[in-house]
C-alpha cells in the first residue's frame, strides 16, 4: 500500500514513502504524548520495540497514524521523559494495550500550573505544546487506522 504525504496543522509533512499497514492488533499501546480535541500522538510497541505514532490524516472517521521507529536510546529517553511527567502530573495519559484509556488521574494542581510559566500554560491551552523531544522526523515504518482515538 502507498502511504500518502500527510500534514497536521503544526507538523512538517511526512515524506511520501512506501510502507505497509500495521493493524492495531499488532500494536501494544502505552501512552498519549499529544492531544488536542483527540489523540494526536503517542507511544506503542510493535514487534517488541517502542515506537512513536502521530496522526497524519484525520479527514475520515478512521484516522490514519504514521508509526515512527525509535533507536534504543530514543526509546529509553521517551520512557524516562514520560515517567517524569507521570511523577509530576499523574497517569491520566496512560493507555491500555488496545489503545483505550486506562482511566488514570491527573494530579496537577493550580500551584503546579503557576510554576510552569505563562509560555507553557499558554501553549498547553491553545494546543501547541509539544514534548521536549519530537520523533516525527524519524523513519516511518508503517501506519495504522483507528476510530478509537
C-alpha atoms as a PDB file:
ATOM      1  CA  UNK A   1       0.000   0.000   0.000  1.00  0.00           C
ATOM      2  CA  UNK A   2       1.165   3.515  -0.647  1.00  0.00           C
ATOM      3  CA  UNK A   3       1.451   5.920   2.295  1.00  0.00           C
ATOM      4  CA  UNK A   4       0.355   9.374   1.213  1.00  0.00           C
ATOM      5  CA  UNK A   5       2.029  12.627   2.209  1.00  0.00           C
ATOM      6  CA  UNK A   6       0.431  13.763   5.444  1.00  0.00           C
ATOM      7  CA  UNK A   7       0.271  17.061   7.270  1.00  0.00           C
ATOM      8  CA  UNK A   8      -1.014  18.176  10.629  1.00  0.00           C
ATOM      9  CA  UNK A   9      -1.588  21.880  11.298  1.00  0.00           C
ATOM     10  CA  UNK A  10       1.666  22.267  13.258  1.00  0.00           C
ATOM     11  CA  UNK A  11       3.742  19.371  11.940  1.00  0.00           C
ATOM     12  CA  UNK A  12       6.074  19.258   8.986  1.00  0.00           C
ATOM     13  CA  UNK A  13       4.934  16.956   6.170  1.00  0.00           C
ATOM     14  CA  UNK A  14       5.863  13.306   6.356  1.00  0.00           C
ATOM     15  CA  UNK A  15       7.640  12.424   3.137  1.00  0.00           C
ATOM     16  CA  UNK A  16       5.811  10.038   0.849  1.00  0.00           C
ATOM     17  CA  UNK A  17       7.173   6.573   1.478  1.00  0.00           C
ATOM     18  CA  UNK A  18       6.044   3.087   0.665  1.00  0.00           C
ATOM     19  CA  UNK A  19       5.104   1.245   3.837  1.00  0.00           C
ATOM     20  CA  UNK A  20       2.576  -1.318   4.976  1.00  0.00           C
ATOM     21  CA  UNK A  21      -0.420  -1.031   7.203  1.00  0.00           C
ATOM     22  CA  UNK A  22       0.117  -2.342  10.712  1.00  0.00           C
ATOM     23  CA  UNK A  23      -3.121  -3.394  12.340  1.00  0.00           C
ATOM     24  CA  UNK A  24      -3.951  -2.074  15.801  1.00  0.00           C
ATOM     25  CA  UNK A  25      -3.979  -5.716  16.938  1.00  0.00           C
ATOM     26  CA  UNK A  26      -0.226  -5.865  16.205  1.00  0.00           C
ATOM     27  CA  UNK A  27       0.419  -2.820  18.409  1.00  0.00           C
ATOM     28  CA  UNK A  28       0.575  -2.564  22.189  1.00  0.00           C
ATOM     29  CA  UNK A  29      -0.344   0.988  23.144  1.00  0.00           C
ATOM     30  CA  UNK A  30       1.330   2.721  26.109  1.00  0.00           C
ATOM     31  CA  UNK A  31       0.658   6.468  26.459  1.00  0.00           C
ATOM     32  CA  UNK A  32      -0.557   9.625  24.740  1.00  0.00           C
ATOM     33  CA  UNK A  33       2.048  12.308  24.021  1.00  0.00           C
ATOM     34  CA  UNK A  34      -0.043  14.906  22.184  1.00  0.00           C
ATOM     35  CA  UNK A  35      -3.722  15.703  22.484  1.00  0.00           C
ATOM     36  CA  UNK A  36      -5.948  18.453  21.119  1.00  0.00           C
ATOM     37  CA  UNK A  37      -9.647  17.566  20.840  1.00  0.00           C
ATOM     38  CA  UNK A  38      -8.432  13.995  20.265  1.00  0.00           C
ATOM     39  CA  UNK A  39      -5.229  11.955  20.329  1.00  0.00           C
ATOM     40  CA  UNK A  40      -2.557  13.426  18.056  1.00  0.00           C
ATOM     41  CA  UNK A  41       0.433  11.300  19.027  1.00  0.00           C
ATOM     42  CA  UNK A  42       1.717   8.732  21.465  1.00  0.00           C
ATOM     43  CA  UNK A  43       3.809   5.650  22.013  1.00  0.00           C
ATOM     44  CA  UNK A  44       3.138   1.993  21.291  1.00  0.00           C
ATOM     45  CA  UNK A  45       5.186  -1.163  20.844  1.00  0.00           C
ATOM     46  CA  UNK A  46       5.384  -3.118  17.607  1.00  0.00           C
ATOM     47  CA  UNK A  47       7.357  -6.361  17.383  1.00  0.00           C
ATOM     48  CA  UNK A  48       8.699  -5.737  20.883  1.00  0.00           C
ATOM     49  CA  UNK A  49      10.092  -2.258  20.133  1.00  0.00           C
ATOM     50  CA  UNK A  50       8.817   1.089  21.358  1.00  0.00           C
ATOM     51  CA  UNK A  51       7.589   3.320  18.503  1.00  0.00           C
ATOM     52  CA  UNK A  52       6.155   6.815  18.222  1.00  0.00           C
ATOM     53  CA  UNK A  53       2.853   7.356  16.387  1.00  0.00           C
ATOM     54  CA  UNK A  54       1.315  10.572  15.098  1.00  0.00           C
ATOM     55  CA  UNK A  55      -1.910  11.421  13.273  1.00  0.00           C
ATOM     56  CA  UNK A  56      -1.317  12.218   9.632  1.00  0.00           C
ATOM     57  CA  UNK A  57      -4.852  12.114   8.250  1.00  0.00           C
ATOM     58  CA  UNK A  58      -7.904  12.990  10.291  1.00  0.00           C
ATOM     59  CA  UNK A  59     -10.244  13.700   7.392  1.00  0.00           C
ATOM     60  CA  UNK A  60     -12.110  10.386   7.720  1.00  0.00           C
ATOM     61  CA  UNK A  61     -13.857   8.543  10.562  1.00  0.00           C
ATOM     62  CA  UNK A  62     -10.912   6.146  10.808  1.00  0.00           C
ATOM     63  CA  UNK A  63      -7.979   8.463  11.389  1.00  0.00           C
ATOM     64  CA  UNK A  64      -4.604   7.446   9.943  1.00  0.00           C
ATOM     65  CA  UNK A  65      -1.467   7.495  12.097  1.00  0.00           C
ATOM     66  CA  UNK A  66       2.125   7.180  10.924  1.00  0.00           C
ATOM     67  CA  UNK A  67       4.388   4.937  13.022  1.00  0.00           C
ATOM     68  CA  UNK A  68       7.983   6.070  13.508  1.00  0.00           C
ATOM     69  CA  UNK A  69      10.827   3.824  14.614  1.00  0.00           C
ATOM     70  CA  UNK A  70      12.949   4.707  17.652  1.00  0.00           C
ATOM     71  CA  UNK A  71      16.523   3.792  18.435  1.00  0.00           C
ATOM     72  CA  UNK A  72      17.243   2.120  21.780  1.00  0.00           C
ATOM     73  CA  UNK A  73      18.484   5.466  23.158  1.00  0.00           C
ATOM     74  CA  UNK A  74      15.389   7.307  21.917  1.00  0.00           C
ATOM     75  CA  UNK A  75      13.086   4.668  23.420  1.00  0.00           C
ATOM     76  CA  UNK A  76      14.881   4.966  26.756  1.00  0.00           C
ATOM     77  CA  UNK A  77      14.711   8.786  26.659  1.00  0.00           C
ATOM     78  CA  UNK A  78      10.995   8.795  25.758  1.00  0.00           C
ATOM     79  CA  UNK A  79      10.234   6.380  28.587  1.00  0.00           C
ATOM     80  CA  UNK A  80      12.250   8.432  31.081  1.00  0.00           C
ATOM     81  CA  UNK A  81      10.530  11.671  29.987  1.00  0.00           C
ATOM     82  CA  UNK A  82       7.130  10.075  30.415  1.00  0.00           C
ATOM     83  CA  UNK A  83       7.987   8.657  33.850  1.00  0.00           C
ATOM     84  CA  UNK A  84       8.984  12.186  34.949  1.00  0.00           C
ATOM     85  CA  UNK A  85       5.713  13.520  33.539  1.00  0.00           C
ATOM     86  CA  UNK A  86       3.701  10.857  35.393  1.00  0.00           C
ATOM     87  CA  UNK A  87       5.506  11.585  38.659  1.00  0.00           C
ATOM     88  CA  UNK A  88       4.522  15.242  38.453  1.00  0.00           C
ATOM     89  CA  UNK A  89       1.143  15.187  36.712  1.00  0.00           C
ATOM     90  CA  UNK A  90      -0.346  11.703  37.091  1.00  0.00           C
ATOM     91  CA  UNK A  91      -1.100   8.732  34.886  1.00  0.00           C
ATOM     92  CA  UNK A  92      -4.076  10.192  33.003  1.00  0.00           C
ATOM     93  CA  UNK A  93      -2.295   9.769  29.645  1.00  0.00           C
ATOM     94  CA  UNK A  94      -1.767   6.020  30.059  1.00  0.00           C
ATOM     95  CA  UNK A  95      -3.367   3.730  27.503  1.00  0.00           C
ATOM     96  CA  UNK A  96      -4.400   0.111  27.821  1.00  0.00           C
ATOM     97  CA  UNK A  97      -2.714  -2.262  25.340  1.00  0.00           C
ATOM     98  CA  UNK A  98      -5.722  -1.985  22.975  1.00  0.00           C
ATOM     99  CA  UNK A  99      -5.448   1.822  22.826  1.00  0.00           C
ATOM    100  CA  UNK A 100      -8.325   2.650  25.167  1.00  0.00           C
ATOM    101  CA  UNK A 101      -7.735   4.952  28.111  1.00  0.00           C
ATOM    102  CA  UNK A 102      -6.580   3.298  31.321  1.00  0.00           C
ATOM    103  CA  UNK A 103      -8.630   5.709  33.455  1.00  0.00           C
ATOM    104  CA  UNK A 104      -5.739   7.316  35.291  1.00  0.00           C
ATOM    105  CA  UNK A 105      -5.904  10.522  37.288  1.00  0.00           C
ATOM    106  CA  UNK A 106      -4.403  13.959  36.696  1.00  0.00           C
ATOM    107  CA  UNK A 107      -2.771  15.255  39.862  1.00  0.00           C
ATOM    108  CA  UNK A 108      -1.609  18.627  38.520  1.00  0.00           C
ATOM    109  CA  UNK A 109      -2.631  21.402  40.896  1.00  0.00           C
ATOM    110  CA  UNK A 110      -3.150  25.089  40.188  1.00  0.00           C
ATOM    111  CA  UNK A 111       0.065  25.675  42.139  1.00  0.00           C
ATOM    112  CA  UNK A 112       1.862  23.405  39.653  1.00  0.00           C
ATOM    113  CA  UNK A 113       0.388  25.352  36.751  1.00  0.00           C
ATOM    114  CA  UNK A 114       1.566  28.618  38.306  1.00  0.00           C
ATOM    115  CA  UNK A 115       5.168  27.332  38.424  1.00  0.00           C
ATOM    116  CA  UNK A 116       5.139  26.280  34.767  1.00  0.00           C
ATOM    117  CA  UNK A 117       5.255  29.829  33.463  1.00  0.00           C
ATOM    118  CA  UNK A 118       2.914  31.727  31.197  1.00  0.00           C
ATOM    119  CA  UNK A 119       4.535  30.475  27.992  1.00  0.00           C
ATOM    120  CA  UNK A 120       3.976  26.788  28.781  1.00  0.00           C
ATOM    121  CA  UNK A 121       0.470  27.343  30.158  1.00  0.00           C
ATOM    122  CA  UNK A 122      -0.481  29.343  27.067  1.00  0.00           C
ATOM    123  CA  UNK A 123       0.941  26.664  24.757  1.00  0.00           C
ATOM    124  CA  UNK A 124      -0.956  23.936  26.622  1.00  0.00           C
ATOM    125  CA  UNK A 125      -4.174  25.972  26.479  1.00  0.00           C
ATOM    126  CA  UNK A 126      -4.010  26.565  22.725  1.00  0.00           C
ATOM    127  CA  UNK A 127      -2.848  23.046  21.880  1.00  0.00           C
ATOM    128  CA  UNK A 128       0.617  23.898  20.559  1.00  0.00           C
ATOM    129  CA  UNK A 129       2.636  22.387  23.412  1.00  0.00           C
ATOM    130  CA  UNK A 130       4.935  19.577  22.331  1.00  0.00           C
ATOM    131  CA  UNK A 131       7.022  17.146  24.360  1.00  0.00           C
ATOM    132  CA  UNK A 132      10.672  18.127  24.783  1.00  0.00           C
ATOM    133  CA  UNK A 133      11.740  15.648  22.113  1.00  0.00           C
ATOM    134  CA  UNK A 134       9.920  15.094  18.828  1.00  0.00           C
ATOM    135  CA  UNK A 135      10.236  11.883  16.856  1.00  0.00           C
ATOM    136  CA  UNK A 136       8.102  12.905  13.870  1.00  0.00           C
ATOM    137  CA  UNK A 137      11.127  13.074  11.567  1.00  0.00           C
ATOM    138  CA  UNK A 138      12.252   9.536  12.413  1.00  0.00           C
ATOM    139  CA  UNK A 139      11.791   6.936   9.654  1.00  0.00           C
ATOM    140  CA  UNK A 140       8.192   5.897   9.056  1.00  0.00           C
ATOM    141  CA  UNK A 141       7.937   2.135   9.493  1.00  0.00           C
ATOM    142  CA  UNK A 142       4.208   1.762   8.872  1.00  0.00           C
ATOM    143  CA  UNK A 143       0.787   3.179   9.562  1.00  0.00           C
ATOM    144  CA  UNK A 144      -2.476   2.263  11.227  1.00  0.00           C
ATOM    145  CA  UNK A 145      -6.032   3.488  11.221  1.00  0.00           C
ATOM    146  CA  UNK A 146      -8.195   3.869  14.269  1.00  0.00           C
ATOM    147  CA  UNK A 147     -11.595   5.146  15.200  1.00  0.00           C
ATOM    148  CA  UNK A 148     -10.731   4.646  18.909  1.00  0.00           C
ATOM    149  CA  UNK A 149      -8.952   7.985  19.269  1.00  0.00           C
END
